[in-house]
C-alpha atoms as a PDB file:
ATOM      1  CA  MET A   1     -12.009 -74.672  -0.268  1.00  0.00           C
ATOM      2  CA  THR A   2     -11.628 -76.014   2.962  1.00  0.00           C
ATOM      3  CA  PHE A   3      -7.661 -76.732   3.012  1.00  0.00           C
ATOM      4  CA  ILE A   4      -7.077 -73.427   1.218  1.00  0.00           C
ATOM      5  CA  ALA A   5      -8.738 -72.201   3.783  1.00  0.00           C
ATOM      6  CA  GLU A   6      -6.988 -73.220   6.353  1.00  0.00           C
ATOM      7  CA  THR A   7      -3.626 -73.051   4.497  1.00  0.00           C
ATOM      8  CA  THR A   8      -4.569 -69.344   4.292  1.00  0.00           C
ATOM      9  CA  ALA A   9      -5.350 -68.554   8.176  1.00  0.00           C
ATOM     10  CA  ARG A  10      -2.835 -70.971   9.230  1.00  0.00           C
ATOM     11  CA  VAL A  11      -0.343 -68.280   6.961  1.00  0.00           C
ATOM     12  CA  TYR A  12      -1.616 -65.428   8.270  1.00  0.00           C
ATOM     13  CA  ASP A  13      -1.313 -66.812  11.690  1.00  0.00           C
ATOM     14  CA  ASN A  14       2.263 -67.581  11.562  1.00  0.00           C
ATOM     15  CA  LEU A  15       4.029 -63.723   9.356  1.00  0.00           C
ATOM     16  CA  ALA A  16       6.340 -62.304  11.010  1.00  0.00           C
ATOM     17  CA  THR A  17       4.198 -59.111   9.868  1.00  0.00           C
ATOM     18  CA  ALA A  18       1.410 -57.188  12.629  1.00  0.00           C
ATOM     19  CA  VAL A  19      -1.263 -58.013  10.302  1.00  0.00           C
ATOM     20  CA  LEU A  20      -5.104 -56.360  10.964  1.00  0.00           C
ATOM     21  CA  LEU A  21      -8.036 -56.724   9.262  1.00  0.00           C
ATOM     22  CA  PHE A  22     -10.852 -53.927   9.436  1.00  0.00           C
ATOM     23  CA  ASP A  23     -14.118 -54.046   7.787  1.00  0.00           C
ATOM     24  CA  ASN A  24     -16.213 -51.138   6.002  1.00  0.00           C
ATOM     25  CA  GLN A  25     -17.632 -49.736   8.983  1.00  0.00           C
ATOM     26  CA  LEU A  26     -13.614 -49.441  10.813  1.00  0.00           C
ATOM     27  CA  ARG A  27     -14.349 -52.047  12.841  1.00  0.00           C
ATOM     28  CA  LEU A  28     -11.823 -54.562  13.422  1.00  0.00           C
ATOM     29  CA  THR A  29     -12.503 -58.597  11.981  1.00  0.00           C
ATOM     30  CA  CYS A  30      -9.395 -59.795  13.347  1.00  0.00           C
ATOM     31  CA  VAL A  31      -5.463 -60.102  13.789  1.00  0.00           C
ATOM     32  CA  ASN A  32      -2.485 -62.522  13.572  1.00  0.00           C
ATOM     33  CA  ALA A  33      -0.467 -63.222  15.860  1.00  0.00           C
ATOM     34  CA  ALA A  34       2.108 -61.222  15.484  1.00  0.00           C
ATOM     35  CA  GLY A  35      -0.313 -57.869  15.485  1.00  0.00           C
ATOM     36  CA  GLU A  36      -1.037 -59.531  19.510  1.00  0.00           C
ATOM     37  CA  ASN A  37       2.434 -59.709  20.088  1.00  0.00           C
ATOM     38  CA  LEU A  38       3.181 -55.824  19.081  1.00  0.00           C
ATOM     39  CA  LEU A  39      -0.245 -54.635  20.216  1.00  0.00           C
ATOM     40  CA  TYR A  40      -0.658 -56.258  24.013  1.00  0.00           C
ATOM     41  CA  VAL A  41      -3.897 -57.250  23.244  1.00  0.00           C
ATOM     42  CA  SER A  42      -5.417 -60.535  22.351  1.00  0.00           C
ATOM     43  CA  ASN A  43      -7.599 -61.167  19.015  1.00  0.00           C
ATOM     44  CA  ARG A  44     -10.630 -61.421  21.180  1.00  0.00           C
ATOM     45  CA  GLN A  45     -10.081 -58.230  23.179  1.00  0.00           C
ATOM     46  CA  MET A  46      -9.517 -56.150  19.989  1.00  0.00           C
ATOM     47  CA  THR A  47     -12.712 -57.611  17.949  1.00  0.00           C
ATOM     48  CA  GLY A  48     -15.449 -55.295  16.488  1.00  0.00           C
ATOM     49  CA  GLN A  49     -13.688 -52.361  18.141  1.00  0.00           C
ATOM     50  CA  ARG A  50     -12.379 -49.251  16.276  1.00  0.00           C
ATOM     51  CA  PRO A  51      -8.883 -47.937  15.621  1.00  0.00           C
ATOM     52  CA  ASP A  52      -9.610 -45.457  18.181  1.00  0.00           C
ATOM     53  CA  GLU A  53     -10.618 -47.718  20.892  1.00  0.00           C
ATOM     54  CA  ILE A  54      -8.250 -50.013  20.297  1.00  0.00           C
ATOM     55  CA  MET A  55      -5.179 -46.837  20.393  1.00  0.00           C
ATOM     56  CA  PRO A  56      -6.961 -43.756  21.847  1.00  0.00           C
ATOM     57  CA  GLY A  57      -4.007 -41.967  21.888  1.00  0.00           C
ATOM     58  CA  SER A  58      -3.498 -42.257  18.229  1.00  0.00           C
ATOM     59  CA  HIS A  59      -4.847 -40.146  16.777  1.00  0.00           C
ATOM     60  CA  VAL A  60      -2.980 -40.612  13.015  1.00  0.00           C
ATOM     61  CA  PHE A  61      -3.435 -44.203  12.627  1.00  0.00           C
ATOM     62  CA  ASP A  62      -7.485 -43.182  12.959  1.00  0.00           C
ATOM     63  CA  ALA A  63      -6.904 -40.924  10.588  1.00  0.00           C
ATOM     64  CA  VAL A  64      -4.757 -42.663   8.124  1.00  0.00           C
ATOM     65  CA  LEU A  65      -7.617 -45.670   8.061  1.00  0.00           C
ATOM     66  CA  LYS A  66     -10.055 -43.224   7.641  1.00  0.00           C
ATOM     67  CA  ARG A  67      -8.425 -41.586   4.282  1.00  0.00           C
ATOM     68  CA  THR A  68      -7.753 -45.078   2.891  1.00  0.00           C
ATOM     69  CA  LEU A  69     -11.211 -45.911   3.205  1.00  0.00           C
ATOM     70  CA  GLU A  70     -12.799 -42.623   1.634  1.00  0.00           C
ATOM     71  CA  THR A  71     -10.074 -42.856  -0.860  1.00  0.00           C
ATOM     72  CA  ASN A  72      -9.889 -46.589  -2.104  1.00  0.00           C
ATOM     73  CA  THR A  73      -6.234 -45.876  -2.152  1.00  0.00           C
ATOM     74  CA  SER A  74      -3.068 -47.859  -0.470  1.00  0.00           C
ATOM     75  CA  PHE A  75      -1.472 -45.881   2.415  1.00  0.00           C
ATOM     76  CA  SER A  76       2.009 -45.958   3.562  1.00  0.00           C
ATOM     77  CA  GLU A  77       3.066 -44.380   6.663  1.00  0.00           C
ATOM     78  CA  ARG A  78       7.152 -44.262   7.849  1.00  0.00           C
ATOM     79  CA  GLY A  79       7.856 -43.714  11.667  1.00  0.00           C
ATOM     80  CA  MET A  80       3.940 -43.609  12.877  1.00  0.00           C
ATOM     81  CA  VAL A  81       4.301 -43.605  16.592  1.00  0.00           C
ATOM     82  CA  LEU A  82       1.322 -45.608  18.020  1.00  0.00           C
ATOM     83  CA  GLN A  83       0.035 -44.785  22.025  1.00  0.00           C
ATOM     84  CA  LEU A  84      -0.518 -48.487  23.764  1.00  0.00           C
ATOM     85  CA  PRO A  85      -3.378 -49.274  26.141  1.00  0.00           C
ATOM     86  CA  HIS A  86      -0.798 -49.247  29.683  1.00  0.00           C
ATOM     87  CA  LYS A  87       2.047 -49.731  27.884  1.00  0.00           C
ATOM     88  CA  GLU A  88       4.460 -47.498  26.123  1.00  0.00           C
ATOM     89  CA  ALA A  89       4.017 -45.767  22.899  1.00  0.00           C
ATOM     90  CA  ILE A  90       5.807 -48.215  20.023  1.00  0.00           C
ATOM     91  CA  THR A  91       7.009 -46.639  16.377  1.00  0.00           C
ATOM     92  CA  VAL A  92       6.131 -48.613  13.099  1.00  0.00           C
ATOM     93  CA  ASP A  93       5.997 -48.221   9.841  1.00  0.00           C
ATOM     94  CA  CYS A  94       1.842 -48.508   8.556  1.00  0.00           C
ATOM     95  CA  CYS A  95       0.613 -50.213   5.252  1.00  0.00           C
ATOM     96  CA  VAL A  96      -2.899 -49.827   4.594  1.00  0.00           C
ATOM     97  CA  THR A  97      -4.561 -51.322   1.978  1.00  0.00           C
ATOM     98  CA  PRO A  98      -8.337 -50.941   0.801  1.00  0.00           C
ATOM     99  CA  VAL A  99      -9.943 -54.506  -0.935  1.00  0.00           C
ATOM    100  CA  MET A 100     -12.265 -53.900  -3.168  1.00  0.00           C
ATOM    101  CA  GLU A 101     -15.293 -55.640  -4.635  1.00  0.00           C
ATOM    102  CA  ASP A 102     -17.230 -54.311  -7.679  1.00  0.00           C
ATOM    103  CA  ASP A 103     -15.124 -50.891  -7.077  1.00  0.00           C
ATOM    104  CA  VAL A 104     -16.474 -50.741  -3.432  1.00  0.00           C
ATOM    105  CA  CYS A 105     -13.981 -50.730  -0.479  1.00  0.00           C
ATOM    106  CA  ILE A 106     -15.039 -54.130   1.261  1.00  0.00           C
ATOM    107  CA  GLU A 107     -12.468 -54.768   3.916  1.00  0.00           C
ATOM    108  CA  LEU A 108      -8.796 -52.952   5.135  1.00  0.00           C
ATOM    109  CA  ILE A 109      -5.921 -54.810   5.509  1.00  0.00           C
ATOM    110  CA  VAL A 110      -3.205 -53.131   7.693  1.00  0.00           C
ATOM    111  CA  GLU A 111       0.765 -53.973   8.024  1.00  0.00           C
ATOM    112  CA  LEU A 112       2.647 -53.076  11.347  1.00  0.00           C
ATOM    113  CA  THR A 113       6.518 -53.417  11.223  1.00  0.00           C
ATOM    114  CA  ASP A 114       7.934 -52.640  14.506  1.00  0.00           C
ATOM    115  CA  VAL A 115      10.973 -50.385  13.675  1.00  0.00           C
ATOM    116  CA  ASN A 116      12.711 -50.653  17.099  1.00  0.00           C
ATOM    117  CA  ALA A 117      12.699 -53.843  16.926  1.00  0.00           C
ATOM    118  CA  PHE A 118      14.343 -53.605  13.334  1.00  0.00           C
ATOM    119  CA  HIS A 119      17.020 -51.734  15.028  1.00  0.00           C
ATOM    120  CA  ARG A 120      17.347 -54.226  17.614  1.00  0.00           C
ATOM    121  CA  VAL A 121      17.836 -56.778  15.522  1.00  0.00           C
ATOM    122  CA  MET A 122      20.667 -54.910  13.769  1.00  0.00           C
ATOM    123  CA  HIS A 123      22.108 -54.205  17.005  1.00  0.00           C
ATOM    124  CA  ASP A 124      22.295 -58.277  18.373  1.00  0.00           C
ATOM    125  CA  GLU A 125      23.672 -58.805  14.899  1.00  0.00           C
ATOM    126  CA  SER A 126      26.328 -56.364  15.530  1.00  0.00           C
ATOM    127  CA  LEU A 127      26.776 -57.635  18.843  1.00  0.00           C
ATOM    128  CA  TYR A 128      27.243 -60.823  17.871  1.00  0.00           C
ATOM    129  CA  VAL A 129      29.746 -60.525  15.620  1.00  0.00           C
ATOM    130  CA  LEU A 130      32.180 -57.998  17.845  1.00  0.00           C
ATOM    131  CA  HIS A 131      31.539 -60.307  20.251  1.00  0.00           C
ATOM    132  CA  ASP A 132      32.571 -63.159  19.054  1.00  0.00           C
ATOM    133  CA  ALA A 133      35.930 -61.997  17.421  1.00  0.00           C
ATOM    134  CA  SER A 134      36.942 -60.444  21.039  1.00  0.00           C
ATOM    135  CA  ARG A 135      36.018 -63.860  22.264  1.00  0.00           C
ATOM    136  CA  GLU A 136      38.362 -65.548  20.063  1.00  0.00           C
ATOM    137  CA  ALA A 137      41.037 -63.436  20.243  1.00  0.00           C
ATOM    138  CA  PHE A 138      40.979 -63.800  24.453  1.00  0.00           C
ATOM    139  CA  ARG A 139      40.635 -67.706  24.153  1.00  0.00           C
ATOM    140  CA  GLY A 140      43.440 -67.646  22.533  1.00  0.00           C
ATOM    141  CA  MET A 141      45.505 -65.584  24.225  1.00  0.00           C
ATOM    142  CA  ALA A 142      44.523 -68.100  27.235  1.00  0.00           C
ATOM    143  CA  HIS A 143      45.743 -71.035  25.668  1.00  0.00           C
ATOM    144  CA  GLU A 144      48.569 -69.548  25.131  1.00  0.00           C
ATOM    145  CA  ILE A 145      49.341 -68.710  28.822  1.00  0.00           C
ATOM    146  CA  ARG A 146      48.125 -71.828  29.981  1.00  0.00           C
ATOM    147  CA  ASN A 147      51.061 -73.904  28.975  1.00  0.00           C
ATOM    148  CA  PRO A 148      53.633 -72.204  30.340  1.00  0.00           C
ATOM    149  CA  LEU A 149      51.370 -70.879  33.756  1.00  0.00           C
ATOM    150  CA  GLY A 150      51.499 -75.163  34.327  1.00  0.00           C
ATOM    151  CA  GLY A 151      55.221 -75.298  33.632  1.00  0.00           C
ATOM    152  CA  ILE A 152      55.740 -72.449  36.358  1.00  0.00           C
ATOM    153  CA  ARG A 153      53.750 -74.148  38.734  1.00  0.00           C
ATOM    154  CA  GLY A 154      55.139 -76.999  38.723  1.00  0.00           C
ATOM    155  CA  ALA A 155      58.747 -75.808  38.513  1.00  0.00           C
ATOM    156  CA  ALA A 156      57.564 -74.362  42.265  1.00  0.00           C
ATOM    157  CA  GLN A 157      56.798 -76.881  43.358  1.00  0.00           C
ATOM    158  CA  LEU A 158      59.804 -78.773  42.617  1.00  0.00           C
ATOM    159  CA  LEU A 159      61.915 -76.226  44.030  1.00  0.00           C
ATOM    160  CA  GLN A 160      59.277 -75.902  47.217  1.00  0.00           C
ATOM    161  CA  GLY A 161      60.189 -79.775  48.044  1.00  0.00           C
ATOM    162  CA  GLU A 162      64.017 -78.962  47.709  1.00  0.00           C
ATOM    163  CA  LEU A 163      63.364 -75.957  50.763  1.00  0.00           C
ATOM    164  CA  ASP A 164      64.210 -76.153  53.953  1.00  0.00           C
ATOM    165  CA  ASP A 165      64.156 -72.597  54.558  1.00  0.00           C
ATOM    166  CA  LYS A 166      60.335 -71.083  55.493  1.00  0.00           C
ATOM    167  CA  GLU A 167      60.304 -68.003  54.459  1.00  0.00           C
ATOM    168  CA  LEU A 168      61.578 -69.136  51.064  1.00  0.00           C
ATOM    169  CA  ILE A 169      58.824 -72.096  51.145  1.00  0.00           C
ATOM    170  CA  GLU A 170      56.050 -69.094  52.072  1.00  0.00           C
ATOM    171  CA  TYR A 171      57.371 -67.319  48.162  1.00  0.00           C
ATOM    172  CA  THR A 172      56.920 -70.489  46.120  1.00  0.00           C
ATOM    173  CA  SER A 173      53.395 -71.177  48.019  1.00  0.00           C
ATOM    174  CA  ILE A 174      52.226 -67.728  46.610  1.00  0.00           C
ATOM    175  CA  ILE A 175      54.035 -68.337  43.701  1.00  0.00           C
ATOM    176  CA  ILE A 176      52.144 -72.036  43.013  1.00  0.00           C
ATOM    177  CA  GLN A 177      48.459 -70.191  44.985  1.00  0.00           C
ATOM    178  CA  GLU A 178      48.516 -67.367  42.243  1.00  0.00           C
ATOM    179  CA  ALA A 179      49.425 -69.862  39.205  1.00  0.00           C
ATOM    180  CA  ASP A 180      45.665 -71.154  40.504  1.00  0.00           C
ATOM    181  CA  ARG A 181      44.462 -68.295  40.500  1.00  0.00           C
ATOM    182  CA  LEU A 182      45.355 -67.236  36.683  1.00  0.00           C
ATOM    183  CA  ARG A 183      44.956 -71.440  35.598  1.00  0.00           C
ATOM    184  CA  ASN A 184      41.215 -70.668  37.558  1.00  0.00           C
ATOM    185  CA  PHE A 185      40.548 -67.081  35.842  1.00  0.00           C
ATOM    186  CA  ILE A 186      41.579 -68.559  32.520  1.00  0.00           C
ATOM    187  CA  ASP A 187      39.280 -71.194  32.874  1.00  0.00           C
ATOM    188  CA  ARG A 188      36.586 -69.095  33.368  1.00  0.00           C
ATOM    189  CA  ILE A 189      37.490 -67.235  30.139  1.00  0.00           C
ATOM    190  CA  LEU A 190      37.239 -70.686  28.279  1.00  0.00           C
ATOM    191  CA  ALA A 191      33.840 -72.038  29.873  1.00  0.00           C
ATOM    192  CA  SER A 192      31.273 -71.020  26.904  1.00  0.00           C
ATOM    193  CA  ASP A 193      33.745 -73.965  24.814  1.00  0.00           C
ATOM    194  CA  GLN A 194      31.263 -76.459  27.240  1.00  0.00           C
ATOM    195  CA  GLN A 195      29.153 -78.570  25.124  1.00  0.00           C
ATOM    196  CA  LEU A 196      25.846 -78.158  25.623  1.00  0.00           C
ATOM    197  CA  HIS A 197      23.951 -80.966  27.747  1.00  0.00           C
ATOM    198  CA  CYS A 198      19.915 -80.534  27.331  1.00  0.00           C
ATOM    199  CA  VAL A 199      17.132 -81.337  29.222  1.00  0.00           C
ATOM    200  CA  ASP A 200      13.513 -80.451  29.592  1.00  0.00           C
ATOM    201  CA  LEU A 201      13.388 -78.062  32.809  1.00  0.00           C
ATOM    202  CA  ASN A 202      10.954 -75.660  34.562  1.00  0.00           C
ATOM    203  CA  ILE A 203      12.719 -72.419  33.472  1.00  0.00           C
ATOM    204  CA  HIS A 204      10.465 -71.368  36.984  1.00  0.00           C
ATOM    205  CA  GLU A 205      12.654 -73.401  39.075  1.00  0.00           C
ATOM    206  CA  VAL A 206      15.910 -72.982  37.539  1.00  0.00           C
ATOM    207  CA  ILE A 207      15.440 -68.929  38.776  1.00  0.00           C
ATOM    208  CA  GLU A 208      14.157 -69.567  42.038  1.00  0.00           C
ATOM    209  CA  TYR A 209      17.560 -71.773  42.481  1.00  0.00           C
ATOM    210  CA  VAL A 210      19.357 -68.983  41.446  1.00  0.00           C
ATOM    211  CA  CYS A 211      17.762 -67.062  43.810  1.00  0.00           C
ATOM    212  CA  SER A 212      18.554 -69.374  46.816  1.00  0.00           C
ATOM    213  CA  LEU A 213      22.357 -70.011  46.058  1.00  0.00           C
ATOM    214  CA  VAL A 214      22.622 -65.824  46.093  1.00  0.00           C
ATOM    215  CA  LYS A 215      20.615 -65.350  49.392  1.00  0.00           C
ATOM    216  CA  ALA A 216      23.215 -67.888  50.499  1.00  0.00           C
ATOM    217  CA  GLU A 217      25.894 -65.994  49.292  1.00  0.00           C
ATOM    218  CA  PHE A 218      25.089 -62.487  50.301  1.00  0.00           C
ATOM    219  CA  GLU A 219      23.921 -62.645  54.264  1.00  0.00           C
ATOM    220  CA  ALA A 220      21.720 -58.410  53.056  1.00  0.00           C
ATOM    221  CA  CYS A 221      20.714 -60.386  50.180  1.00  0.00           C
ATOM    222  CA  PRO A 222      17.103 -57.964  49.779  1.00  0.00           C
ATOM    223  CA  GLU A 223      13.439 -59.945  48.467  1.00  0.00           C
ATOM    224  CA  PHE A 224      12.806 -60.504  45.274  1.00  0.00           C
ATOM    225  CA  LYS A 225       9.703 -59.649  43.633  1.00  0.00           C
ATOM    226  CA  ARG A 226       8.507 -62.378  41.505  1.00  0.00           C
ATOM    227  CA  ASN A 227       6.357 -61.576  38.205  1.00  0.00           C
ATOM    228  CA  TYR A 228       6.716 -65.208  37.333  1.00  0.00           C
ATOM    229  CA  ASP A 229       4.369 -66.728  33.282  1.00  0.00           C
ATOM    230  CA  PRO A 230       2.492 -69.616  35.458  1.00  0.00           C
ATOM    231  CA  SER A 231       1.883 -70.942  32.082  1.00  0.00           C
ATOM    232  CA  LEU A 232       5.186 -71.090  30.707  1.00  0.00           C
ATOM    233  CA  PRO A 233       6.153 -74.761  29.575  1.00  0.00           C
ATOM    234  CA  PHE A 234       9.428 -76.682  29.713  1.00  0.00           C
ATOM    235  CA  ILE A 235      12.118 -75.712  27.462  1.00  0.00           C
ATOM    236  CA  LYS A 236      15.583 -77.892  26.754  1.00  0.00           C
ATOM    237  CA  ALA A 237      18.545 -76.002  27.803  1.00  0.00           C
ATOM    238  CA  ASP A 238      21.383 -76.728  29.693  1.00  0.00           C
ATOM    239  CA  ARG A 239      20.547 -76.604  33.228  1.00  0.00           C
ATOM    240  CA  GLU A 240      24.480 -75.758  34.644  1.00  0.00           C
ATOM    241  CA  GLN A 241      24.753 -73.400  32.134  1.00  0.00           C
ATOM    242  CA  LEU A 242      21.470 -71.565  32.809  1.00  0.00           C
ATOM    243  CA  ILE A 243      22.360 -71.687  36.860  1.00  0.00           C
ATOM    244  CA  GLN A 244      25.723 -69.505  35.804  1.00  0.00           C
ATOM    245  CA  VAL A 245      23.831 -66.977  33.311  1.00  0.00           C
ATOM    246  CA  PHE A 246      20.952 -66.311  35.763  1.00  0.00           C
ATOM    247  CA  LEU A 247      24.313 -66.384  38.724  1.00  0.00           C
ATOM    248  CA  ASN A 248      25.882 -63.903  37.240  1.00  0.00           C
ATOM    249  CA  VAL A 249      23.728 -61.256  36.228  1.00  0.00           C
ATOM    250  CA  MET A 250      21.774 -61.610  40.223  1.00  0.00           C
ATOM    251  CA  ARG A 251      25.246 -60.959  41.332  1.00  0.00           C
ATOM    252  CA  ASN A 252      26.036 -57.978  39.114  1.00  0.00           C
ATOM    253  CA  ALA A 253      22.369 -56.893  40.254  1.00  0.00           C
ATOM    254  CA  LEU A 254      23.250 -57.448  43.635  1.00  0.00           C
ATOM    255  CA  GLN A 255      26.454 -56.163  43.546  1.00  0.00           C
ATOM    256  CA  ALA A 256      24.894 -52.593  41.757  1.00  0.00           C
ATOM    257  CA  THR A 257      22.238 -51.944  44.184  1.00  0.00           C
ATOM    258  CA  GLU A 258      25.076 -53.088  47.294  1.00  0.00           C
ATOM    259  CA  CYS A 259      21.966 -55.249  48.871  1.00  0.00           C
ATOM    260  CA  GLU A 260      20.137 -52.581  49.414  1.00  0.00           C
ATOM    261  CA  GLY A 261      17.562 -51.777  46.606  1.00  0.00           C
ATOM    262  CA  GLN A 262      14.826 -53.855  44.892  1.00  0.00           C
ATOM    263  CA  ILE A 263      15.428 -57.092  42.141  1.00  0.00           C
ATOM    264  CA  GLU A 264      12.682 -58.121  39.947  1.00  0.00           C
ATOM    265  CA  LEU A 265      12.138 -60.972  38.202  1.00  0.00           C
ATOM    266  CA  HIS A 266       9.797 -60.965  34.971  1.00  0.00           C
ATOM    267  CA  THR A 267       9.275 -64.070  32.839  1.00  0.00           C
ATOM    268  CA  ARG A 268       7.092 -63.980  30.258  1.00  0.00           C
ATOM    269  CA  ILE A 269       6.642 -65.865  26.237  1.00  0.00           C
ATOM    270  CA  ILE A 270       7.352 -63.605  23.453  1.00  0.00           C
ATOM    271  CA  ARG A 271       5.897 -64.288  19.831  1.00  0.00           C
ATOM    272  CA  HIS A 272       7.627 -64.435  16.196  1.00  0.00           C
ATOM    273  CA  PHE A 273      10.541 -62.554  17.652  1.00  0.00           C
ATOM    274  CA  THR A 274      14.158 -62.498  15.576  1.00  0.00           C
ATOM    275  CA  ILE A 275      17.422 -63.674  17.077  1.00  0.00           C
ATOM    276  CA  ARG A 276      20.797 -62.496  14.829  1.00  0.00           C
ATOM    277  CA  GLN A 277      17.937 -63.153  11.809  1.00  0.00           C
ATOM    278  CA  LYS A 278      15.948 -65.909  12.605  1.00  0.00           C
ATOM    279  CA  ILE A 279      12.338 -65.904  13.569  1.00  0.00           C
ATOM    280  CA  HIS A 280      11.096 -67.698  15.727  1.00  0.00           C
ATOM    281  CA  ARG A 281       7.849 -68.608  16.301  1.00  0.00           C
ATOM    282  CA  MET A 282       8.266 -68.356  20.647  1.00  0.00           C
ATOM    283  CA  VAL A 283      10.849 -67.256  22.981  1.00  0.00           C
ATOM    284  CA  VAL A 284      10.755 -67.088  26.629  1.00  0.00           C
ATOM    285  CA  ARG A 285      12.134 -63.896  27.395  1.00  0.00           C
ATOM    286  CA  ILE A 286      12.976 -63.813  31.217  1.00  0.00           C
ATOM    287  CA  ASP A 287      13.684 -59.719  33.078  1.00  0.00           C
ATOM    288  CA  ILE A 288      16.538 -59.931  35.723  1.00  0.00           C
ATOM    289  CA  ILE A 289      15.807 -55.503  37.146  1.00  0.00           C
ATOM    290  CA  ASP A 290      17.047 -53.687  39.318  1.00  0.00           C
ATOM    291  CA  ASP A 291      16.855 -49.542  40.806  1.00  0.00           C
ATOM    292  CA  GLY A 292      20.814 -49.641  41.374  1.00  0.00           C
ATOM    293  CA  PRO A 293      22.496 -46.548  39.714  1.00  0.00           C
ATOM    294  CA  GLY A 294      23.532 -48.592  36.523  1.00  0.00           C
ATOM    295  CA  ILE A 295      26.143 -49.052  34.232  1.00  0.00           C
ATOM    296  CA  PRO A 296      28.371 -46.532  33.390  1.00  0.00           C
ATOM    297  CA  SER A 297      27.561 -44.457  30.587  1.00  0.00           C
ATOM    298  CA  GLU A 298      31.319 -45.231  29.286  1.00  0.00           C
ATOM    299  CA  ILE A 299      31.303 -48.195  28.647  1.00  0.00           C
ATOM    300  CA  GLU A 300      27.346 -49.554  28.389  1.00  0.00           C
ATOM    301  CA  LYS A 301      28.206 -50.151  24.718  1.00  0.00           C
ATOM    302  CA  ASN A 302      30.631 -52.995  25.944  1.00  0.00           C
ATOM    303  CA  VAL A 303      29.281 -54.476  28.482  1.00  0.00           C
ATOM    304  CA  PHE A 304      29.164 -58.160  27.060  1.00  0.00           C
ATOM    305  CA  TYR A 305      32.794 -57.740  26.362  1.00  0.00           C
ATOM    306  CA  PRO A 306      35.453 -59.341  28.337  1.00  0.00           C
ATOM    307  CA  MET A 307      37.387 -57.738  30.999  1.00  0.00           C
ATOM    308  CA  VAL A 308      34.886 -54.595  30.992  1.00  0.00           C
ATOM    309  CA  SER A 309      33.741 -53.979  34.080  1.00  0.00           C
ATOM    310  CA  GLY A 310      32.387 -50.703  36.270  1.00  0.00           C
ATOM    311  CA  ARG A 311      33.783 -51.808  39.856  1.00  0.00           C
ATOM    312  CA  PRO A 312      37.459 -51.516  40.383  1.00  0.00           C
ATOM    313  CA  ASP A 313      37.671 -55.092  41.351  1.00  0.00           C
ATOM    314  CA  GLY A 314      35.883 -56.648  38.510  1.00  0.00           C
ATOM    315  CA  THR A 315      37.138 -58.698  36.025  1.00  0.00           C
ATOM    316  CA  GLY A 316      34.605 -58.126  33.327  1.00  0.00           C
ATOM    317  CA  LEU A 317      33.979 -61.897  32.573  1.00  0.00           C
ATOM    318  CA  GLY A 318      30.426 -62.174  34.396  1.00  0.00           C
ATOM    319  CA  LEU A 319      28.526 -60.651  31.542  1.00  0.00           C
ATOM    320  CA  SER A 320      30.450 -62.208  28.930  1.00  0.00           C
ATOM    321  CA  ILE A 321      30.340 -65.635  30.060  1.00  0.00           C
ATOM    322  CA  ALA A 322      26.787 -65.298  30.668  1.00  0.00           C
ATOM    323  CA  GLN A 323      26.490 -63.814  27.168  1.00  0.00           C
ATOM    324  CA  SER A 324      28.311 -67.022  25.485  1.00  0.00           C
ATOM    325  CA  LEU A 325      26.440 -69.667  27.096  1.00  0.00           C
ATOM    326  CA  ILE A 326      23.438 -67.712  25.842  1.00  0.00           C
ATOM    327  CA  ASN A 327      24.382 -67.734  22.383  1.00  0.00           C
ATOM    328  CA  LEU A 328      25.218 -70.878  22.808  1.00  0.00           C
ATOM    329  CA  HIS A 329      21.697 -72.144  22.998  1.00  0.00           C
ATOM    330  CA  GLY A 330      20.643 -69.814  20.649  1.00  0.00           C
ATOM    331  CA  GLY A 331      19.094 -66.482  22.804  1.00  0.00           C
ATOM    332  CA  VAL A 332      20.504 -63.393  23.294  1.00  0.00           C
ATOM    333  CA  ILE A 333      20.661 -61.121  26.500  1.00  0.00           C
ATOM    334  CA  ASP A 334      19.816 -57.442  26.547  1.00  0.00           C
ATOM    335  CA  TYR A 335      20.745 -54.067  28.514  1.00  0.00           C
ATOM    336  CA  GLU A 336      18.378 -51.632  29.029  1.00  0.00           C
ATOM    337  CA  ARG A 337      18.100 -48.253  31.041  1.00  0.00           C
ATOM    338  CA  LYS A 338      14.766 -47.573  31.333  1.00  0.00           C
ATOM    339  CA  ASP A 339      12.731 -45.278  34.451  1.00  0.00           C
ATOM    340  CA  GLU A 340      15.978 -45.410  36.782  1.00  0.00           C
ATOM    341  CA  LYS A 341      15.577 -49.474  36.506  1.00  0.00           C
ATOM    342  CA  THR A 342      18.589 -51.413  34.734  1.00  0.00           C
ATOM    343  CA  ILE A 343      17.349 -54.088  32.621  1.00  0.00           C
ATOM    344  CA  PHE A 344      18.955 -57.447  31.549  1.00  0.00           C
ATOM    345  CA  SER A 345      16.246 -59.290  29.615  1.00  0.00           C
ATOM    346  CA  ILE A 346      17.424 -62.791  28.307  1.00  0.00           C
ATOM    347  CA  TYR A 347      15.958 -64.926  24.847  1.00  0.00           C
ATOM    348  CA  LEU A 348      15.830 -68.005  25.344  1.00  0.00           C
ATOM    349  CA  PRO A 349      14.193 -69.226  21.924  1.00  0.00           C
ATOM    350  CA  MET A 350      11.481 -71.725  22.061  1.00  0.00           C
ATOM    351  CA  SER A 351      11.162 -73.701  18.249  1.00  0.00           C
ATOM    352  CA  ASP A 352      14.231 -75.142  18.671  1.00  0.00           C
ATOM    353  CA  ASN A 353      13.682 -76.614  21.528  1.00  0.00           C
END
């Protein structure tokens, strides 16, 4: 029996679906890890509370539980809106099942599925497919350009060595400089072809290092507002590639605010998070938030594609390369505009590290 109880507890706590268990007095007896993550409240804080105490503004949830208890019949409610304390509302599909013993309901099993999470998974999957297709197209084009570009540069160097006219030499120098610029541009397009060199690292140390880099790069760099989770464990990742990712996203934020706004940096752990149809037990989320005007609406959906930029002088490669590098780590970058703030959320799975 001990083995069965331990196995059941382990399965229960590792379910991706949020599960809450109420007694016949509608007092919460336990909640699994997915439920804690969905409701942003720990098992210890919720245990013993009634539905209207856990979610004071969610009257429909309370009514569904009472109806199930009174009728001893299972109920399902799709698109139920739950107002969380100190948090925004979430939309869930709710299923309530009575546990019967001698024709008496002794417990209620409540299953909650985050509807927004499902839509996010579908959005991320389509983003992966389209992003990969566009990246492959640009890689092919870049490889085709690379060889003749080297020939043009070499010919310009040979010609320069044969010339005595300073004005003509200046022209060949321009050809060489522009060939080098195009080669660097192509190298950035192909940057995500790099292999991972993973090491154990402290994600906060990497973020702080990037902060020091951008402060040196931008003379009027504003102060960063930090909200770090000090309990984050070390993760295995490629330090150089993560530096490039954070650098690209932070540069975007600083350019958007013209170095006059506020940049916020948040870190936290998310449990049972799905990335590309794979559920990860733990994921590190890093939010880089600015209060700039945001990305123009006409390019919002394509912001991670190559050559898409909201700035006249932009190449449109920074966010595309950042997304590709995070994809190599099994993660994803999401963009969101909320409360007049631009939020880039970087998700790095820990279960594979």
